[in-house]
């Protein structure tokens, strides 16, 4: 009898021994906090050189030289020339804008914020919206979500070329 009972159990198919990892708690992506590091990843604003006829002043010459580095992605080498151009001609928005962008790309967030704000104050429409957008990105890098949201809301209200991108960021921040 003992032999038969043992034999009967061994003839049953054995359950597989697949190890199953504990089921993690399912996460709902809409309730997860946004990853600020991902949202704050910045691509440099594009630069297209402008052909100027006639002579340039020293500030524009420094800017043109700096933008050769900028166009190659060498933002650290562009900064000194951009800084010199912005100091010589503080009312030229492109100098302040690209200096802010270079600072942001090199991880120098506070000076980037300073120059994006300066560009906004100069109130040149071609630079106002992108300056606000990159300013919002700088605030996200500092984890100042409310300041970033404020800039993004203004961009949406401007109805410009960055409005859809700003709204998408706002939507992600609102999660």
N, C-alpha and C. Protein backbone atom coordinates (compact mmCIF):
# COMPACT_ATOMS: atom_id res chain seq x y z
N UNK A 1 0.83 -1.18 0.00
CA UNK A 1 0.00 0.00 0.00
C UNK A 1 0.88 1.25 0.00
N UNK A 2 1.89 1.24 0.77
CA UNK A 2 2.77 2.40 0.83
C UNK A 2 3.43 2.64 -0.52
N UNK A 3 3.89 1.60 -1.18
CA UNK A 3 4.53 1.72 -2.47
C UNK A 3 3.55 2.26 -3.51
N UNK A 4 2.33 1.87 -3.47
CA UNK A 4 1.32 2.28 -4.41
C UNK A 4 0.98 3.76 -4.23
N UNK A 5 0.85 4.24 -2.98
CA UNK A 5 0.52 5.64 -2.72
C UNK A 5 1.65 6.54 -3.20
N UNK A 6 2.90 6.14 -2.94
CA UNK A 6 4.04 6.92 -3.40
C UNK A 6 4.11 6.94 -4.91
N UNK A 7 3.80 5.84 -5.54
CA UNK A 7 3.85 5.72 -6.99
C UNK A 7 2.76 6.59 -7.63
N UNK A 8 1.62 6.64 -7.02
CA UNK A 8 0.51 7.40 -7.55
C UNK A 8 0.83 8.89 -7.57
N UNK A 9 1.47 9.39 -6.52
CA UNK A 9 1.83 10.81 -6.47
C UNK A 9 2.87 11.15 -7.52
N UNK A 10 3.82 10.25 -7.78
CA UNK A 10 4.86 10.55 -8.75
C UNK A 10 4.33 10.50 -10.18
N UNK A 11 3.21 9.84 -10.40
CA UNK A 11 2.67 9.77 -11.75
C UNK A 11 1.88 11.03 -12.12
N UNK A 12 1.58 11.86 -11.15
CA UNK A 12 0.88 13.11 -11.44
C UNK A 12 1.86 14.07 -12.09
N UNK A 13 1.39 14.84 -13.01
CA UNK A 13 2.28 15.83 -13.59
C UNK A 13 2.67 16.84 -12.52
N UNK A 14 3.95 17.12 -12.48
CA UNK A 14 4.46 18.07 -11.48
C UNK A 14 4.22 19.50 -11.96
N UNK A 15 3.83 20.34 -11.04
CA UNK A 15 3.65 21.74 -11.44
C UNK A 15 4.98 22.33 -11.86
N UNK A 16 4.94 23.24 -12.81
CA UNK A 16 6.18 23.86 -13.27
C UNK A 16 6.75 24.73 -12.16
N UNK A 17 8.02 24.90 -12.21
CA UNK A 17 8.69 25.66 -11.15
C UNK A 17 9.15 27.00 -11.71
N UNK A 18 8.29 27.68 -12.40
CA UNK A 18 8.61 29.02 -12.90
C UNK A 18 8.49 29.98 -11.74
N UNK A 19 9.54 30.73 -11.55
CA UNK A 19 9.51 31.72 -10.48
C UNK A 19 8.87 32.99 -11.03
N UNK A 20 7.92 33.47 -10.32
CA UNK A 20 7.21 34.67 -10.73
C UNK A 20 7.59 35.78 -9.78
N UNK A 21 8.03 36.87 -10.34
CA UNK A 21 8.37 38.02 -9.51
C UNK A 21 7.09 38.57 -8.90
N UNK A 22 7.21 39.09 -7.71
CA UNK A 22 6.01 39.67 -7.11
C UNK A 22 5.45 40.75 -8.02
N UNK A 23 4.17 40.77 -8.14
CA UNK A 23 3.51 41.74 -9.00
C UNK A 23 3.62 43.12 -8.38
N UNK A 24 4.34 44.05 -9.05
CA UNK A 24 4.42 45.38 -8.47
C UNK A 24 3.06 46.04 -8.50
N UNK A 25 2.89 46.99 -7.63
CA UNK A 25 1.63 47.71 -7.60
C UNK A 25 1.47 48.43 -8.92
N UNK A 26 0.38 48.20 -9.60
CA UNK A 26 0.21 48.87 -10.88
C UNK A 26 0.18 50.38 -10.68
N UNK A 27 0.85 51.06 -11.60
CA UNK A 27 0.88 52.51 -11.51
C UNK A 27 0.07 53.08 -12.65
N UNK A 28 -0.64 54.09 -12.34
CA UNK A 28 -1.42 54.79 -13.33
C UNK A 28 -0.60 55.99 -13.78
N UNK A 29 -0.16 56.04 -15.05
CA UNK A 29 0.69 57.13 -15.49
C UNK A 29 0.08 58.50 -15.26
N UNK A 30 -1.23 58.60 -15.26
CA UNK A 30 -1.85 59.90 -15.09
C UNK A 30 -1.76 60.40 -13.66
N UNK A 31 -1.45 59.50 -12.70
CA UNK A 31 -1.35 59.96 -11.32
C UNK A 31 0.09 60.09 -10.87
N UNK A 32 1.05 59.68 -11.71
CA UNK A 32 2.44 59.80 -11.33
C UNK A 32 2.87 61.25 -11.44
N UNK A 33 3.77 61.65 -10.54
CA UNK A 33 4.32 62.99 -10.61
C UNK A 33 5.22 63.07 -11.84
N UNK A 34 5.25 64.22 -12.51
CA UNK A 34 6.09 64.33 -13.69
C UNK A 34 7.57 64.25 -13.31
N UNK A 35 8.35 63.71 -14.18
CA UNK A 35 9.78 63.63 -13.98
C UNK A 35 10.37 64.96 -14.44
N UNK A 36 10.72 65.82 -13.50
CA UNK A 36 11.20 67.16 -13.84
C UNK A 36 12.49 67.11 -14.63
N UNK A 37 13.34 66.12 -14.36
CA UNK A 37 14.59 66.03 -15.11
C UNK A 37 14.31 65.81 -16.60
N UNK A 38 13.32 64.97 -16.87
CA UNK A 38 12.95 64.71 -18.27
C UNK A 38 12.31 65.95 -18.90
N UNK A 39 11.43 66.60 -18.16
CA UNK A 39 10.75 67.77 -18.70
C UNK A 39 11.70 68.94 -18.90
N UNK A 40 12.76 68.99 -18.11
CA UNK A 40 13.69 70.12 -18.17
C UNK A 40 14.83 69.91 -19.16
N UNK A 41 14.80 68.81 -19.89
CA UNK A 41 15.85 68.60 -20.88
C UNK A 41 15.70 69.65 -21.97
N UNK A 42 16.77 70.30 -22.24
CA UNK A 42 16.73 71.45 -23.13
C UNK A 42 17.50 71.18 -24.41
N UNK A 43 16.88 71.50 -25.51
CA UNK A 43 17.59 71.53 -26.78
C UNK A 43 17.92 72.99 -27.03
N UNK A 44 19.08 73.22 -27.56
CA UNK A 44 19.50 74.59 -27.83
C UNK A 44 18.62 75.21 -28.90
N UNK A 45 18.29 76.49 -28.74
CA UNK A 45 17.54 77.16 -29.79
C UNK A 45 18.38 77.20 -31.07
N UNK A 46 17.76 77.00 -32.19
CA UNK A 46 18.53 77.03 -33.44
C UNK A 46 19.04 78.44 -33.74
N UNK A 47 20.10 78.49 -34.50
CA UNK A 47 20.65 79.78 -34.92
C UNK A 47 20.89 79.74 -36.42
N UNK A 48 20.40 80.74 -37.10
CA UNK A 48 20.65 80.90 -38.53
C UNK A 48 21.35 82.24 -38.71
N UNK A 49 22.57 82.22 -39.20
CA UNK A 49 23.31 83.48 -39.34
C UNK A 49 22.62 84.43 -40.32
N UNK A 50 22.72 85.69 -39.99
CA UNK A 50 22.15 86.74 -40.82
C UNK A 50 23.30 87.41 -41.55
N UNK A 51 23.16 87.56 -42.84
CA UNK A 51 24.19 88.22 -43.63
C UNK A 51 23.98 89.72 -43.51
N UNK A 52 25.02 90.40 -43.06
CA UNK A 52 24.96 91.84 -42.88
C UNK A 52 25.82 92.49 -43.95
N UNK A 53 25.25 93.47 -44.61
CA UNK A 53 26.03 94.23 -45.60
C UNK A 53 26.64 95.42 -44.91
N UNK A 54 27.86 95.70 -45.24
CA UNK A 54 28.54 96.83 -44.63
C UNK A 54 29.38 96.37 -43.47
N UNK A 55 29.84 97.32 -42.69
CA UNK A 55 30.71 96.99 -41.57
C UNK A 55 29.90 96.70 -40.32
N UNK A 56 30.44 95.81 -39.51
CA UNK A 56 29.81 95.48 -38.23
C UNK A 56 30.59 96.18 -37.12
N UNK A 57 29.89 96.48 -36.05
CA UNK A 57 30.60 97.01 -34.89
C UNK A 57 31.27 95.85 -34.16
N UNK A 58 32.07 96.16 -33.16
CA UNK A 58 32.84 95.14 -32.43
C UNK A 58 31.91 94.14 -31.74
N UNK A 59 30.79 94.62 -31.20
CA UNK A 59 29.87 93.72 -30.50
C UNK A 59 29.28 92.68 -31.46
N UNK A 60 28.87 93.11 -32.62
CA UNK A 60 28.31 92.17 -33.60
C UNK A 60 29.37 91.21 -34.13
N UNK A 61 30.59 91.71 -34.24
CA UNK A 61 31.69 90.85 -34.66
C UNK A 61 31.93 89.75 -33.62
N UNK A 62 31.91 90.13 -32.33
CA UNK A 62 32.07 89.14 -31.25
C UNK A 62 30.91 88.14 -31.25
N UNK A 63 29.71 88.65 -31.47
CA UNK A 63 28.54 87.78 -31.53
C UNK A 63 28.67 86.77 -32.66
N UNK A 64 29.04 87.25 -33.85
CA UNK A 64 29.20 86.35 -35.00
C UNK A 64 30.26 85.29 -34.71
N UNK A 65 31.34 85.69 -34.10
CA UNK A 65 32.41 84.72 -33.75
C UNK A 65 31.90 83.72 -32.71
N UNK A 66 31.17 84.18 -31.71
CA UNK A 66 30.62 83.29 -30.68
C UNK A 66 29.65 82.29 -31.28
N UNK A 67 28.87 82.73 -32.24
CA UNK A 67 27.86 81.85 -32.82
C UNK A 67 28.47 80.75 -33.69
N UNK A 68 29.72 80.91 -34.09
CA UNK A 68 30.41 79.81 -34.76
C UNK A 68 30.60 78.66 -33.78
N UNK A 69 30.96 78.98 -32.53
CA UNK A 69 31.08 77.96 -31.49
C UNK A 69 29.71 77.39 -31.14
N UNK A 70 28.74 78.28 -30.98
CA UNK A 70 27.38 77.89 -30.62
C UNK A 70 26.83 76.90 -31.64
N UNK A 71 26.99 77.20 -32.90
CA UNK A 71 26.46 76.35 -33.97
C UNK A 71 27.07 74.95 -33.96
N UNK A 72 28.27 74.84 -33.42
CA UNK A 72 28.94 73.54 -33.32
C UNK A 72 28.62 72.83 -32.00
N UNK A 73 27.81 73.47 -31.16
CA UNK A 73 27.46 72.87 -29.87
C UNK A 73 28.50 73.12 -28.78
N UNK A 74 29.44 74.00 -29.04
CA UNK A 74 30.47 74.33 -28.05
C UNK A 74 30.03 75.59 -27.29
N UNK A 75 29.03 75.40 -26.44
CA UNK A 75 28.40 76.53 -25.74
C UNK A 75 29.35 77.19 -24.75
N UNK A 76 30.20 76.41 -24.12
CA UNK A 76 31.15 76.97 -23.15
C UNK A 76 32.10 77.96 -23.82
N UNK A 77 32.53 77.65 -25.02
CA UNK A 77 33.43 78.57 -25.72
C UNK A 77 32.69 79.76 -26.31
N UNK A 78 31.40 79.64 -26.49
CA UNK A 78 30.61 80.76 -27.02
C UNK A 78 30.35 81.80 -25.93
N UNK A 79 30.28 81.37 -24.68
CA UNK A 79 29.89 82.27 -23.58
C UNK A 79 30.77 83.52 -23.47
N UNK A 80 32.10 83.43 -23.43
CA UNK A 80 32.89 84.66 -23.25
C UNK A 80 32.64 85.70 -24.35
N UNK A 81 32.54 85.25 -25.60
CA UNK A 81 32.28 86.19 -26.71
C UNK A 81 30.87 86.77 -26.62
N UNK A 82 29.91 85.93 -26.27
CA UNK A 82 28.53 86.42 -26.12
C UNK A 82 28.42 87.40 -24.97
N UNK A 83 29.12 87.10 -23.88
CA UNK A 83 29.12 88.00 -22.72
C UNK A 83 29.70 89.35 -23.11
N UNK A 84 30.80 89.35 -23.87
CA UNK A 84 31.43 90.60 -24.32
C UNK A 84 30.48 91.37 -25.24
N UNK A 85 29.80 90.66 -26.13
CA UNK A 85 28.86 91.32 -27.04
C UNK A 85 27.69 91.93 -26.27
N UNK A 86 27.15 91.16 -25.30
CA UNK A 86 26.02 91.66 -24.50
C UNK A 86 26.42 92.85 -23.63
N UNK A 87 27.65 92.85 -23.16
CA UNK A 87 28.12 93.98 -22.35
C UNK A 87 28.30 95.23 -23.21
N UNK A 88 28.81 95.05 -24.43
CA UNK A 88 29.03 96.18 -25.32
C UNK A 88 27.72 96.75 -25.86
N UNK A 89 26.74 95.88 -26.10
CA UNK A 89 25.45 96.32 -26.65
C UNK A 89 24.32 95.65 -25.86
N UNK A 90 24.03 96.18 -24.66
CA UNK A 90 23.05 95.52 -23.80
C UNK A 90 21.61 95.52 -24.31
N UNK A 91 21.32 96.32 -25.32
CA UNK A 91 19.95 96.39 -25.82
C UNK A 91 19.68 95.52 -27.04
N UNK A 92 20.62 94.65 -27.38
CA UNK A 92 20.43 93.75 -28.52
C UNK A 92 19.91 92.42 -27.98
N UNK A 93 18.65 92.09 -28.27
CA UNK A 93 18.05 90.89 -27.68
C UNK A 93 18.72 89.58 -28.08
N UNK A 94 19.22 89.49 -29.29
CA UNK A 94 19.85 88.23 -29.72
C UNK A 94 21.09 87.92 -28.88
N UNK A 95 21.81 88.94 -28.45
CA UNK A 95 23.00 88.71 -27.63
C UNK A 95 22.60 88.09 -26.30
N UNK A 96 21.61 88.69 -25.65
CA UNK A 96 21.16 88.20 -24.34
C UNK A 96 20.51 86.82 -24.48
N UNK A 97 19.72 86.64 -25.53
CA UNK A 97 19.01 85.36 -25.72
C UNK A 97 19.99 84.20 -25.89
N UNK A 98 20.93 84.34 -26.80
CA UNK A 98 21.86 83.23 -27.04
C UNK A 98 22.86 83.06 -25.89
N UNK A 99 23.12 84.12 -25.17
CA UNK A 99 23.96 83.98 -23.97
C UNK A 99 23.19 83.17 -22.92
N UNK A 100 21.91 83.47 -22.74
CA UNK A 100 21.08 82.69 -21.82
C UNK A 100 21.00 81.24 -22.24
N UNK A 101 20.85 81.00 -23.54
CA UNK A 101 20.77 79.62 -24.04
C UNK A 101 22.08 78.88 -23.81
N UNK A 102 23.20 79.56 -24.01
CA UNK A 102 24.50 78.93 -23.79
C UNK A 102 24.71 78.60 -22.32
N UNK A 103 24.32 79.52 -21.46
CA UNK A 103 24.42 79.24 -20.02
C UNK A 103 23.55 78.03 -19.65
N UNK A 104 22.35 77.99 -20.20
CA UNK A 104 21.44 76.88 -19.88
C UNK A 104 22.02 75.55 -20.36
N UNK A 105 22.58 75.54 -21.56
CA UNK A 105 23.16 74.30 -22.10
C UNK A 105 24.40 73.85 -21.34
N UNK A 106 25.05 74.75 -20.64
CA UNK A 106 26.23 74.36 -19.86
C UNK A 106 25.89 74.14 -18.38
N UNK A 107 24.59 74.15 -18.06
CA UNK A 107 24.17 73.86 -16.69
C UNK A 107 24.27 75.04 -15.73
N UNK A 108 24.48 76.22 -16.25
CA UNK A 108 24.56 77.43 -15.42
C UNK A 108 23.19 78.11 -15.44
N UNK A 109 22.32 77.59 -14.60
CA UNK A 109 20.91 77.96 -14.67
C UNK A 109 20.64 79.40 -14.21
N UNK A 110 21.26 79.84 -13.13
CA UNK A 110 20.98 81.19 -12.64
C UNK A 110 21.34 82.28 -13.64
N UNK A 111 22.55 82.25 -14.25
CA UNK A 111 22.81 83.27 -15.28
C UNK A 111 21.90 83.13 -16.49
N UNK A 112 21.49 81.90 -16.81
CA UNK A 112 20.56 81.71 -17.93
C UNK A 112 19.25 82.43 -17.64
N UNK A 113 18.74 82.26 -16.42
CA UNK A 113 17.50 82.93 -16.03
C UNK A 113 17.66 84.44 -16.15
N UNK A 114 18.78 84.95 -15.69
CA UNK A 114 19.04 86.40 -15.74
C UNK A 114 18.97 86.91 -17.18
N UNK A 115 19.59 86.21 -18.12
CA UNK A 115 19.62 86.71 -19.49
C UNK A 115 18.31 86.46 -20.25
N UNK A 116 17.59 85.42 -19.90
CA UNK A 116 16.27 85.24 -20.52
C UNK A 116 15.32 86.33 -20.03
N UNK A 117 15.39 86.66 -18.74
CA UNK A 117 14.56 87.76 -18.22
C UNK A 117 14.90 89.07 -18.91
N UNK A 118 16.19 89.30 -19.09
CA UNK A 118 16.63 90.53 -19.76
C UNK A 118 16.08 90.58 -21.18
N UNK A 119 16.12 89.47 -21.88
CA UNK A 119 15.59 89.41 -23.25
C UNK A 119 14.10 89.72 -23.26
N UNK A 120 13.37 89.20 -22.29
CA UNK A 120 11.93 89.46 -22.21
C UNK A 120 11.67 90.95 -21.98
N UNK A 121 12.46 91.56 -21.12
CA UNK A 121 12.29 92.99 -20.83
C UNK A 121 12.54 93.84 -22.08
N UNK A 122 13.43 93.40 -22.95
CA UNK A 122 13.70 94.15 -24.18
C UNK A 122 12.50 94.15 -25.12
N UNK A 123 11.57 93.23 -24.91
CA UNK A 123 10.26 93.20 -25.59
C UNK A 123 10.34 93.20 -27.11
N UNK A 124 11.22 92.40 -27.65
CA UNK A 124 11.27 92.22 -29.09
C UNK A 124 10.51 90.94 -29.39
N UNK A 125 9.40 91.03 -30.14
CA UNK A 125 8.52 89.87 -30.34
C UNK A 125 9.23 88.59 -30.80
N UNK A 126 10.21 88.70 -31.64
CA UNK A 126 10.90 87.50 -32.15
C UNK A 126 11.60 86.72 -31.05
N UNK A 127 11.92 87.39 -29.94
CA UNK A 127 12.64 86.73 -28.86
C UNK A 127 11.81 86.56 -27.59
N UNK A 128 10.68 87.23 -27.48
CA UNK A 128 9.88 87.17 -26.25
C UNK A 128 9.37 85.77 -25.95
N UNK A 129 8.72 85.15 -26.92
CA UNK A 129 8.15 83.82 -26.69
C UNK A 129 9.23 82.76 -26.45
N UNK A 130 10.26 82.67 -27.31
CA UNK A 130 11.28 81.65 -27.04
C UNK A 130 12.01 81.90 -25.72
N UNK A 131 12.19 83.17 -25.35
CA UNK A 131 12.86 83.46 -24.07
C UNK A 131 12.02 82.95 -22.91
N UNK A 132 10.72 83.15 -22.99
CA UNK A 132 9.84 82.64 -21.93
C UNK A 132 9.88 81.11 -21.87
N UNK A 133 9.92 80.48 -23.03
CA UNK A 133 9.95 79.02 -23.07
C UNK A 133 11.23 78.48 -22.41
N UNK A 134 12.36 79.03 -22.79
CA UNK A 134 13.62 78.55 -22.20
C UNK A 134 13.76 78.98 -20.74
N UNK A 135 13.13 80.09 -20.39
CA UNK A 135 13.08 80.49 -18.99
C UNK A 135 12.29 79.46 -18.19
N UNK A 136 11.18 78.99 -18.74
CA UNK A 136 10.40 77.93 -18.07
C UNK A 136 11.24 76.67 -17.92
N UNK A 137 12.00 76.31 -18.94
CA UNK A 137 12.88 75.14 -18.86
C UNK A 137 13.93 75.34 -17.76
N UNK A 138 14.46 76.54 -17.65
CA UNK A 138 15.45 76.82 -16.59
C UNK A 138 14.81 76.67 -15.21
N UNK A 139 13.59 77.18 -15.07
CA UNK A 139 12.90 77.02 -13.78
C UNK A 139 12.65 75.55 -13.46
N UNK A 140 12.33 74.76 -14.47
CA UNK A 140 12.14 73.33 -14.24
C UNK A 140 13.44 72.68 -13.77
N UNK A 141 14.56 73.12 -14.32
CA UNK A 141 15.84 72.58 -13.87
C UNK A 141 16.09 72.92 -12.41
N UNK A 142 15.60 74.06 -11.98
CA UNK A 142 15.74 74.45 -10.57
C UNK A 142 14.62 73.86 -9.70
N UNK A 143 13.71 73.10 -10.33
CA UNK A 143 12.57 72.48 -9.67
C UNK A 143 11.59 73.52 -9.13
N UNK A 144 11.54 74.68 -9.77
CA UNK A 144 10.59 75.73 -9.42
C UNK A 144 9.41 75.62 -10.39
N UNK A 145 8.53 74.67 -10.08
CA UNK A 145 7.43 74.33 -10.98
C UNK A 145 6.46 75.49 -11.14
N UNK A 146 6.15 76.19 -10.09
CA UNK A 146 5.16 77.27 -10.20
C UNK A 146 5.67 78.40 -11.10
N UNK A 147 6.95 78.74 -11.03
CA UNK A 147 7.50 79.77 -11.91
C UNK A 147 7.51 79.29 -13.36
N UNK A 148 7.81 78.01 -13.57
CA UNK A 148 7.79 77.45 -14.92
C UNK A 148 6.37 77.48 -15.48
N UNK A 149 5.40 77.07 -14.67
CA UNK A 149 4.00 77.07 -15.12
C UNK A 149 3.54 78.48 -15.48
N UNK A 150 3.96 79.47 -14.72
CA UNK A 150 3.58 80.85 -15.01
C UNK A 150 4.07 81.27 -16.40
N UNK A 151 5.32 80.95 -16.71
CA UNK A 151 5.87 81.29 -18.03
C UNK A 151 5.15 80.52 -19.13
N UNK A 152 4.87 79.26 -18.90
CA UNK A 152 4.20 78.44 -19.90
C UNK A 152 2.78 78.94 -20.17
N UNK A 153 2.08 79.38 -19.13
CA UNK A 153 0.72 79.93 -19.32
C UNK A 153 0.76 81.20 -20.19
N UNK A 154 1.76 82.04 -19.94
CA UNK A 154 1.90 83.26 -20.74
C UNK A 154 2.13 82.90 -22.21
N UNK A 155 2.97 81.89 -22.44
CA UNK A 155 3.25 81.46 -23.81
C UNK A 155 1.98 80.97 -24.49
N UNK A 156 1.18 80.20 -23.78
CA UNK A 156 -0.08 79.70 -24.35
C UNK A 156 -0.98 80.88 -24.72
N UNK A 157 -1.04 81.88 -23.87
CA UNK A 157 -1.87 83.06 -24.14
C UNK A 157 -1.36 83.87 -25.32
N UNK A 158 -0.05 83.77 -25.61
CA UNK A 158 0.53 84.52 -26.72
C UNK A 158 0.12 83.93 -28.07
N UNK A 159 -0.31 82.65 -28.08
CA UNK A 159 -0.75 81.96 -29.31
C UNK A 159 0.32 81.95 -30.40
N UNK A 160 1.58 81.83 -29.99
CA UNK A 160 2.68 81.82 -30.95
C UNK A 160 3.11 80.42 -31.33
N UNK A 161 4.30 80.31 -31.85
CA UNK A 161 4.81 79.04 -32.35
C UNK A 161 5.13 78.03 -31.25
N UNK A 162 5.31 78.48 -30.03
CA UNK A 162 5.63 77.58 -28.92
C UNK A 162 4.41 77.26 -28.05
N UNK A 163 3.24 77.75 -28.44
CA UNK A 163 2.04 77.58 -27.62
C UNK A 163 1.67 76.12 -27.41
N UNK A 164 1.70 75.33 -28.46
CA UNK A 164 1.33 73.91 -28.33
C UNK A 164 2.33 73.16 -27.45
N UNK A 165 3.60 73.45 -27.63
CA UNK A 165 4.63 72.81 -26.81
C UNK A 165 4.50 73.22 -25.35
N UNK A 166 4.20 74.50 -25.13
CA UNK A 166 4.00 74.98 -23.76
C UNK A 166 2.79 74.33 -23.12
N UNK A 167 1.71 74.17 -23.88
CA UNK A 167 0.50 73.52 -23.35
C UNK A 167 0.79 72.07 -23.01
N UNK A 168 1.55 71.39 -23.85
CA UNK A 168 1.90 69.99 -23.58
C UNK A 168 2.71 69.88 -22.29
N UNK A 169 3.63 70.80 -22.07
CA UNK A 169 4.40 70.79 -20.82
C UNK A 169 3.49 71.07 -19.62
N UNK A 170 2.58 72.04 -19.78
CA UNK A 170 1.64 72.33 -18.70
C UNK A 170 0.80 71.10 -18.37
N UNK A 171 0.35 70.39 -19.39
CA UNK A 171 -0.44 69.20 -19.18
C UNK A 171 0.36 68.15 -18.41
N UNK A 172 1.62 67.99 -18.76
CA UNK A 172 2.47 67.02 -18.06
C UNK A 172 2.74 67.46 -16.62
N UNK A 173 2.89 68.73 -16.41
CA UNK A 173 3.14 69.23 -15.05
C UNK A 173 1.90 69.11 -14.19
N UNK A 174 0.72 69.17 -14.82
CA UNK A 174 -0.53 69.11 -14.08
C UNK A 174 -0.87 67.72 -13.58
N UNK A 175 -0.13 66.70 -14.00
CA UNK A 175 -0.41 65.31 -13.61
C UNK A 175 -0.05 65.07 -12.18
